[in-house]
Amino acid sequence: MNNRLRVLRAEHQWSQQDLAERLGVSRQSVNAIETGKYDPSLPLAFRIADVFALPIEAIFLRE
C-alpha cells in the first residue's frame, strides 16, 4: 500500500523514532510501513491518522 508517511513525518520534523514512540511501535515498524514492506493493521492506521490529525485516506493511497 502506498502512503505519505515519510512526507508527513518530515513536515513535522520527526525522526522515525519520534513517530514510533508516538504510535507505540518500533522504529523498524515505522520504516517498514514507509517503505511499503508492511501494511499496518487497521487500529494502527487509525493511530497514525490521529497523530497527524488527518483522515486515513489522506495518508494511505490506493495503488
C-alpha atoms as a PDB file:
ATOM      1  CA  MET A   1       0.000   0.000   0.000  1.00  0.00           C
ATOM      2  CA  ASN A   2       1.386   3.401  -0.920  1.00  0.00           C
ATOM      3  CA  ASN A   3       1.453   6.041   1.775  1.00  0.00           C
ATOM      4  CA  ARG A   4       2.567   9.582   2.566  1.00  0.00           C
ATOM      5  CA  LEU A   5       4.004   8.713   5.954  1.00  0.00           C
ATOM      6  CA  ARG A   6       7.593   9.757   5.190  1.00  0.00           C
ATOM      7  CA  VAL A   7       6.465  13.128   3.794  1.00  0.00           C
ATOM      8  CA  LEU A   8       4.157  13.828   6.735  1.00  0.00           C
ATOM      9  CA  ARG A   9       6.828  12.818   9.221  1.00  0.00           C
ATOM     10  CA  ALA A  10       9.334  15.146   7.531  1.00  0.00           C
ATOM     11  CA  GLU A  11       6.831  18.019   7.584  1.00  0.00           C
ATOM     12  CA  HIS A  12       6.615  17.602  11.359  1.00  0.00           C
ATOM     13  CA  GLN A  13      10.418  17.241  11.602  1.00  0.00           C
ATOM     14  CA  TRP A  14      10.049  13.916  13.392  1.00  0.00           C
ATOM     15  CA  SER A  15      12.525  11.089  13.147  1.00  0.00           C
ATOM     16  CA  GLN A  16      11.274   7.557  12.649  1.00  0.00           C
ATOM     17  CA  GLN A  17      11.970   7.018  16.349  1.00  0.00           C
ATOM     18  CA  ASP A  18       9.863  10.075  17.302  1.00  0.00           C
ATOM     19  CA  LEU A  19       6.907   8.769  15.312  1.00  0.00           C
ATOM     20  CA  ALA A  20       7.383   5.241  16.625  1.00  0.00           C
ATOM     21  CA  GLU A  21       7.186   6.498  20.210  1.00  0.00           C
ATOM     22  CA  ARG A  22       4.009   8.451  19.454  1.00  0.00           C
ATOM     23  CA  LEU A  23       2.463   5.320  17.930  1.00  0.00           C
ATOM     24  CA  GLY A  24       3.740   2.796  20.457  1.00  0.00           C
ATOM     25  CA  VAL A  25       5.593   0.734  17.852  1.00  0.00           C
ATOM     26  CA  SER A  26       9.240   0.137  16.972  1.00  0.00           C
ATOM     27  CA  ARG A  27      11.280   2.349  14.683  1.00  0.00           C
ATOM     28  CA  GLN A  28      11.654  -0.683  12.426  1.00  0.00           C
ATOM     29  CA  SER A  29       7.860  -0.874  12.088  1.00  0.00           C
ATOM     30  CA  VAL A  30       7.691   2.766  11.004  1.00  0.00           C
ATOM     31  CA  ASN A  31      10.449   2.117   8.454  1.00  0.00           C
ATOM     32  CA  ALA A  32       8.666  -0.970   7.112  1.00  0.00           C
ATOM     33  CA  ILE A  33       5.401   0.944   6.700  1.00  0.00           C
ATOM     34  CA  GLU A  34       7.147   3.869   4.987  1.00  0.00           C
ATOM     35  CA  THR A  35       8.904   1.584   2.514  1.00  0.00           C
ATOM     36  CA  GLY A  36       5.773  -0.442   1.779  1.00  0.00           C
ATOM     37  CA  LYS A  37       7.178  -3.657   3.229  1.00  0.00           C
ATOM     38  CA  TYR A  38       4.438  -3.802   5.855  1.00  0.00           C
ATOM     39  CA  ASP A  39       0.798  -2.706   5.775  1.00  0.00           C
ATOM     40  CA  PRO A  40      -0.356  -1.509   9.189  1.00  0.00           C
ATOM     41  CA  SER A  41      -3.312  -3.075  10.942  1.00  0.00           C
ATOM     42  CA  LEU A  42      -6.498  -1.030  10.905  1.00  0.00           C
ATOM     43  CA  PRO A  43      -6.089   0.058  14.555  1.00  0.00           C
ATOM     44  CA  LEU A  44      -2.524   1.203  13.827  1.00  0.00           C
ATOM     45  CA  ALA A  45      -3.664   3.033  10.688  1.00  0.00           C
ATOM     46  CA  PHE A  46      -6.212   4.900  12.822  1.00  0.00           C
ATOM     47  CA  ARG A  47      -3.492   5.790  15.368  1.00  0.00           C
ATOM     48  CA  ILE A  48      -1.319   7.121  12.551  1.00  0.00           C
ATOM     49  CA  ALA A  49      -4.215   9.203  11.249  1.00  0.00           C
ATOM     50  CA  ASP A  50      -4.868  10.538  14.750  1.00  0.00           C
ATOM     51  CA  VAL A  51      -1.209  11.509  15.267  1.00  0.00           C
ATOM     52  CA  PHE A  52      -1.283  13.585  12.082  1.00  0.00           C
ATOM     53  CA  ALA A  53      -4.895  14.759  12.589  1.00  0.00           C
ATOM     54  CA  LEU A  54      -5.783  13.587   9.088  1.00  0.00           C
ATOM     55  CA  PRO A  55      -8.245  11.083   7.651  1.00  0.00           C
ATOM     56  CA  ILE A  56      -6.758   7.698   6.792  1.00  0.00           C
ATOM     57  CA  GLU A  57      -7.402   8.366   3.083  1.00  0.00           C
ATOM     58  CA  ALA A  58      -5.041  11.353   3.217  1.00  0.00           C
ATOM     59  CA  ILE A  59      -2.179   9.115   4.390  1.00  0.00           C
ATOM     60  CA  PHE A  60      -2.735   5.738   2.736  1.00  0.00           C
ATOM     61  CA  LEU A  61      -3.305   5.681  -1.005  1.00  0.00           C
ATOM     62  CA  ARG A  62      -4.753   3.064  -3.301  1.00  0.00           C
ATOM     63  CA  GLU A  63      -2.204   1.539  -5.618  1.00  0.00           C
END
